[in-house]
Protein backbone atom coordinates (compact mmCIF):
# COMPACT_ATOMS: atom_id res chain seq x y z
CA MET A 1 0.00 0.00 0.00
CA ALA A 2 1.35 3.42 -0.95
CA PHE A 3 1.87 6.00 1.81
CA THR A 4 -0.74 8.38 0.32
CA THR A 5 -3.31 5.58 0.14
CA ALA A 6 -2.60 4.62 3.74
CA ARG A 7 -2.92 8.25 4.89
CA ILE A 8 -6.31 8.62 3.17
CA SER A 9 -7.48 5.32 4.69
CA TYR A 10 -6.40 6.42 8.18
CA GLU A 11 -8.13 9.79 7.87
CA GLY A 12 -11.30 8.12 6.63
CA VAL A 13 -11.73 6.43 10.01
CA LYS A 14 -10.40 9.42 11.95
CA LEU A 15 -6.87 8.04 12.43
CA PHE A 16 -3.88 10.34 12.01
CA SER A 17 -0.17 9.56 11.98
CA ARG A 18 3.06 11.37 12.74
CA TYR A 19 6.71 10.45 13.27
CA LYS A 20 7.63 9.64 16.85
CA SER A 21 9.67 12.34 18.60
CA HIS A 22 13.11 11.27 19.85
CA LYS A 23 13.79 14.29 22.07
CA PRO A 24 12.31 14.08 25.59
CA ASP A 25 10.61 17.05 27.18
CA LEU A 26 12.92 18.93 29.57
CA THR A 27 11.76 20.51 32.81
CA PRO A 28 13.65 23.47 34.32
CA GLU A 29 15.19 20.99 36.77
CA ASP A 30 16.35 18.78 33.88
CA LYS A 31 17.96 21.75 32.12
CA LYS A 32 19.71 22.81 35.32
CA ALA A 33 21.10 19.31 35.90
CA ARG A 34 22.26 19.03 32.28
CA LEU A 35 23.97 22.41 32.41
CA GLU A 36 25.72 21.63 35.69
CA TRP A 37 26.91 18.28 34.31
CA ALA A 38 28.23 19.87 31.11
CA HIS A 39 30.15 22.52 33.09
CA THR A 40 31.63 19.78 35.30
CA TYR A 41 33.05 17.89 32.33
CA LYS A 42 33.67 20.67 29.80
CA SER A 43 37.40 20.65 30.62
CA TRP A 44 37.76 16.94 29.84
CA THR A 45 39.87 16.28 26.77
CA GLU A 46 39.42 13.55 24.17
CA GLU A 47 42.08 11.59 26.08
CA ASP A 48 39.92 11.72 29.23
CA TRP A 49 36.82 10.47 27.40
CA ARG A 50 38.77 7.60 25.87
CA LYS A 51 38.80 5.96 29.32
CA VAL A 52 34.98 5.89 29.59
CA LEU A 53 32.94 2.81 28.74
CA PHE A 54 29.58 4.05 27.41
CA SER A 55 26.49 1.85 27.70
CA ASP A 56 22.75 1.86 27.08
CA GLU A 57 19.89 -0.30 25.88
CA CYS A 58 17.33 0.16 23.13
CA ARG A 59 14.37 -1.54 21.45
CA VAL A 60 14.48 -2.92 17.92
CA HIS A 61 11.03 -2.98 16.26
CA ILE A 62 10.91 -5.88 13.85
CA GLU A 63 9.37 -5.01 10.43
CA PHE A 64 9.62 -1.30 11.34
CA ASP A 65 12.70 0.90 11.28
CA SER A 66 12.53 2.02 14.92
CA THR A 67 14.74 5.04 14.20
CA ARG A 68 11.85 6.44 12.10
CA GLN A 69 8.66 4.83 13.40
CA ARG A 70 5.16 6.04 12.59
CA LEU A 71 2.57 6.22 15.36
CA ILE A 72 -1.18 6.08 14.64
CA ASN A 73 -3.63 8.21 16.57
CA ALA A 74 -7.12 6.89 17.41
CA PRO A 75 -10.06 9.30 18.04
CA GLU A 76 -9.71 8.95 21.82
CA GLY A 77 -6.19 10.39 21.54
CA THR A 78 -4.15 7.22 22.11
CA TRP A 79 -1.08 6.82 19.92
CA TYR A 80 -0.26 3.20 19.13
CA THR A 81 1.75 1.01 16.79
CA LYS A 82 1.87 -2.72 16.18
CA CYS A 83 5.21 -4.50 16.06
CA ILE A 84 7.36 -7.11 17.77
CA LYS A 85 10.23 -5.77 19.85
CA ILE A 86 13.70 -7.01 20.74
CA MET A 87 15.76 -5.49 23.55
CA VAL A 88 19.43 -4.79 22.87
CA TRP A 89 22.12 -3.66 25.32
CA GLY A 90 25.56 -2.58 24.18
CA SER A 91 28.68 -0.80 25.36
CA PHE A 92 31.82 0.62 23.82
CA TYR A 93 34.88 2.73 24.54
CA TYR A 94 37.44 4.42 22.34
CA GLY A 95 39.50 1.35 21.62
CA ASP A 96 36.86 -1.35 21.23
CA ASN A 97 33.27 -2.40 21.78
CA GLY A 98 32.00 -4.36 24.73
CA PRO A 99 29.43 -7.16 24.59
CA LEU A 100 26.13 -6.87 22.73
CA ILE A 101 23.17 -8.52 24.47
CA VAL A 102 20.09 -9.37 22.39
CA GLU A 103 16.89 -10.61 24.04
CA GLU A 104 13.21 -10.79 23.19
CA LYS A 105 11.33 -7.94 24.89
CA LYS A 106 9.15 -8.82 27.87
CA GLU A 107 5.69 -7.37 28.16
CA ASP A 108 6.04 -6.60 31.88
CA GLY A 109 8.85 -4.11 31.23
CA SER A 110 11.35 -5.91 33.47
CA ASP A 111 13.84 -6.48 30.67
CA GLY A 112 15.61 -3.09 31.02
CA TYR A 113 17.21 -4.05 34.32
CA ALA A 114 17.74 -7.72 33.42
CA ILE A 115 19.49 -7.06 30.10
CA MET A 116 21.77 -4.45 31.66
CA PHE A 117 22.74 -6.86 34.44
CA ASP A 118 23.49 -9.57 31.86
CA GLY A 119 25.53 -7.07 29.87
CA LEU A 120 27.57 -6.04 32.89
CA CYS A 121 28.38 -9.66 33.72
CA GLN A 122 29.57 -10.32 30.17
CA MET A 123 31.49 -7.04 30.17
CA LEU A 124 33.41 -8.15 33.26
CA ASP A 125 34.35 -11.36 31.48
CA GLN A 126 35.38 -9.53 28.30
CA ILE A 127 37.32 -6.71 30.05
CA PRO A 128 38.70 -8.41 33.19
CA GLN A 129 41.47 -5.83 33.70
CA PHE A 130 39.15 -2.84 33.94
CA GLY A 131 41.16 0.33 34.53
CA SER A 132 44.54 -1.01 33.47
CA GLY A 133 46.51 -0.42 30.28
CA ASN A 134 44.31 0.70 27.40
CA SER A 135 41.14 -0.56 29.09
CA PRO A 136 38.45 1.89 30.23
CA ASP A 137 38.43 2.95 33.89
CA LEU A 138 34.96 4.55 34.17
CA PHE A 139 31.58 2.96 33.46
CA MET A 140 28.83 5.26 32.20
CA TYR A 141 25.11 4.65 32.59
CA ASP A 142 22.15 7.01 32.71
CA GLU A 143 19.51 7.40 35.41
CA ALA A 144 16.64 5.70 33.61
CA PRO A 145 14.09 4.17 36.06
CA CYS A 146 15.17 0.61 35.19
CA HIS A 147 18.74 1.46 36.27
CA LYS A 148 17.78 2.70 39.74
CA THR A 149 18.42 -0.51 41.66
CA GLU A 150 21.02 -1.32 44.28
CA ALA A 151 22.12 -4.50 42.50
CA LEU A 152 23.86 -2.66 39.65
CA PRO A 153 26.01 -0.29 41.78
CA ASP A 154 26.78 -3.20 44.10
CA LEU A 155 28.06 -5.29 41.20
CA LEU A 156 30.29 -2.47 39.96
CA GLU A 157 31.57 -1.72 43.45
CA LYS A 158 32.38 -5.38 44.02
CA HIS A 159 34.68 -5.29 40.99
CA ASN A 160 36.11 -1.83 41.80
CA ILE A 161 34.60 -0.18 38.72
CA PRO A 162 33.90 3.56 39.20
CA MET A 163 30.63 4.90 37.82
CA LEU A 164 30.12 8.01 35.73
CA LYS A 165 26.47 8.97 36.11
CA TRP A 166 24.66 10.74 33.30
CA PRO A 167 21.93 13.37 33.71
CA SER A 168 18.48 11.97 33.04
CA ARG A 169 16.56 12.72 29.84
CA SER A 170 19.79 13.48 27.98
CA PRO A 171 20.15 11.15 24.97
CA ASP A 172 22.01 13.91 23.13
CA LEU A 173 24.84 13.63 25.67
CA ASN A 174 25.14 9.88 25.18
CA PRO A 175 27.06 8.86 22.02
CA VAL A 176 25.51 5.40 22.33
CA GLU A 177 22.32 6.90 20.87
CA ASP A 178 24.17 7.67 17.62
CA MET A 179 25.57 4.16 17.65
CA TRP A 180 22.04 2.70 17.90
CA VAL A 181 20.92 4.68 14.85
CA GLU A 182 23.85 3.34 12.84
CA LEU A 183 23.57 -0.25 14.11
CA ILE A 184 19.81 -0.54 13.66
CA GLY A 185 19.99 1.10 10.24
CA ARG A 186 22.48 -1.52 9.11
CA PHE A 187 20.37 -4.25 10.70
CA PHE A 188 17.30 -3.26 8.68
CA GLN A 189 19.29 -3.17 5.47
CA SER A 190 20.05 -6.85 6.07
CA TYR A 191 16.61 -7.67 7.46
CA HIS A 192 14.69 -6.38 4.42
CA GLN A 193 16.71 -8.71 2.20
CA LEU A 194 15.27 -11.74 4.01
CA ASP A 195 12.14 -13.55 2.88
CA PHE A 196 10.45 -14.05 6.27
CA LYS A 197 7.96 -11.76 7.99
CA LEU A 198 7.42 -11.24 11.72
CA PRO A 199 9.56 -13.66 13.75
CA LYS A 200 7.19 -16.28 15.18
CA SER A 201 9.72 -19.00 15.87
CA TYR A 202 12.98 -19.14 17.79
CA THR A 203 14.85 -19.86 14.54
CA GLU A 204 13.73 -16.55 13.05
CA PHE A 205 14.68 -14.69 16.24
CA GLU A 206 18.12 -16.26 16.00
CA ALA A 207 18.41 -14.91 12.44
CA CYS A 208 17.72 -11.38 13.69
CA GLU A 209 20.14 -11.89 16.58
CA ALA A 210 22.89 -13.06 14.21
CA MET A 211 22.38 -10.04 11.95
CA LEU A 212 22.70 -7.66 14.91
CA TYR A 213 25.91 -9.36 16.05
CA GLY A 214 27.27 -9.16 12.49
CA ARG A 215 26.59 -5.44 12.19
CA TRP A 216 28.07 -4.91 15.68
CA ASP A 217 31.35 -6.48 14.54
CA GLU A 218 31.31 -4.27 11.42
CA LEU A 219 31.24 -1.12 13.55
CA ARG A 220 34.20 -2.34 15.58
CA CYS A 221 36.26 -3.20 12.51
CA GLU A 222 35.57 0.22 10.96
CA GLY A 223 36.74 2.14 14.04
CA TYR A 224 33.30 3.74 14.34
CA PHE A 225 33.44 4.06 18.15
CA ARG A 226 36.46 6.34 18.08
CA SER A 227 34.65 9.19 16.35
CA LEU A 228 31.75 8.93 18.82
CA THR A 229 34.08 9.12 21.81
CA GLU A 230 35.87 12.12 20.32
CA SER A 231 32.53 13.98 20.04
CA MET A 232 32.08 14.31 23.83
CA PRO A 233 33.81 17.72 24.31
CA LYS A 234 31.58 19.16 21.57
CA ARG A 235 28.47 17.64 23.16
CA CYS A 236 29.27 19.26 26.50
CA GLN A 237 29.83 22.63 24.86
CA ALA A 238 26.58 22.29 22.90
CA VAL A 239 24.61 21.82 26.13
CA ILE A 240 26.31 24.89 27.62
CA ASP A 241 25.52 26.94 24.52
CA ALA A 242 21.88 25.79 24.74
CA GLU A 243 21.79 26.66 28.47
CA GLY A 244 20.82 23.10 29.30
CA GLY A 245 18.31 22.76 26.48
CA HIS A 246 18.24 20.41 23.50
CA THR A 247 21.22 20.26 21.17
CA ARG A 248 21.70 19.11 17.58
CA TYR A 249 23.01 15.73 18.75
C-alpha cells in the first residue's frame, strides 16, 4: 500500500499519523542538571573520554525501522503502533566495543534491568582488567528508572569499577544513541533482504540476533566508536551553549 493511500485510509476512520519524537521534554530541573553536568566535564579532553565505557539499551522494532517509526492516533487520543520488539544492550569505549546482548522484549517491562545486568556480567568477562593499560576505567550509565536498583552499583563496586552517572533525559549527551541509529539502520538493510515476515519462531529470532551481532562487529572493525568518543567535548559545549536545552546531537 502506498503512503498516500494509507494516509487517506487512516483519515477516513479518523486516524492520524506522525513520526515519533526522539527528544524528551525537559523541565527546568532537567535543564539545570544538564547544564551543571556539562560545566563539570567541559574541561575533559578527548584523552579523558577515551577511558569511559559508554552503555545503554534500546528496542528494535521488527518489520519497522525504529529510528523512524510512525505512530497512529485513534479518536480517543491514544497513539499506538503494532510490532514485535527485541531489547538490545551494548557498550563501547574508544579502543573497542563491549558485549552486545540481544533478548526478546518482555511485556512486563522488566527487561531493562535484566538485560543491563546480563551485559555487565559479560562485560566483566570480556574486560577483566578494567582500569589497566588501554582498558576503560569509568563505566557510564544514565539514570533511567530501570537502572535505579542497588544490585547494579553493588556489582560495579564489588569489581572496583567507578561509575560516571549521566543526567536523566539526555540522549544527546550519550554517544551510544548515535551508535544505535547506525547499528539498527544496518540491521534493517540486512533484514529487508530476508524472505520471512514477523519472527514467530525461535529460529527466526536467531536470524535477527545473528544479523545484529554481524553489524556490531562491522562497527568495531571500521573504528566507528572512536569518532563517537571524540565527540564528547563538543556535546558538553553544545549543552552549555543551549543553556541546558536540547542540542543538535
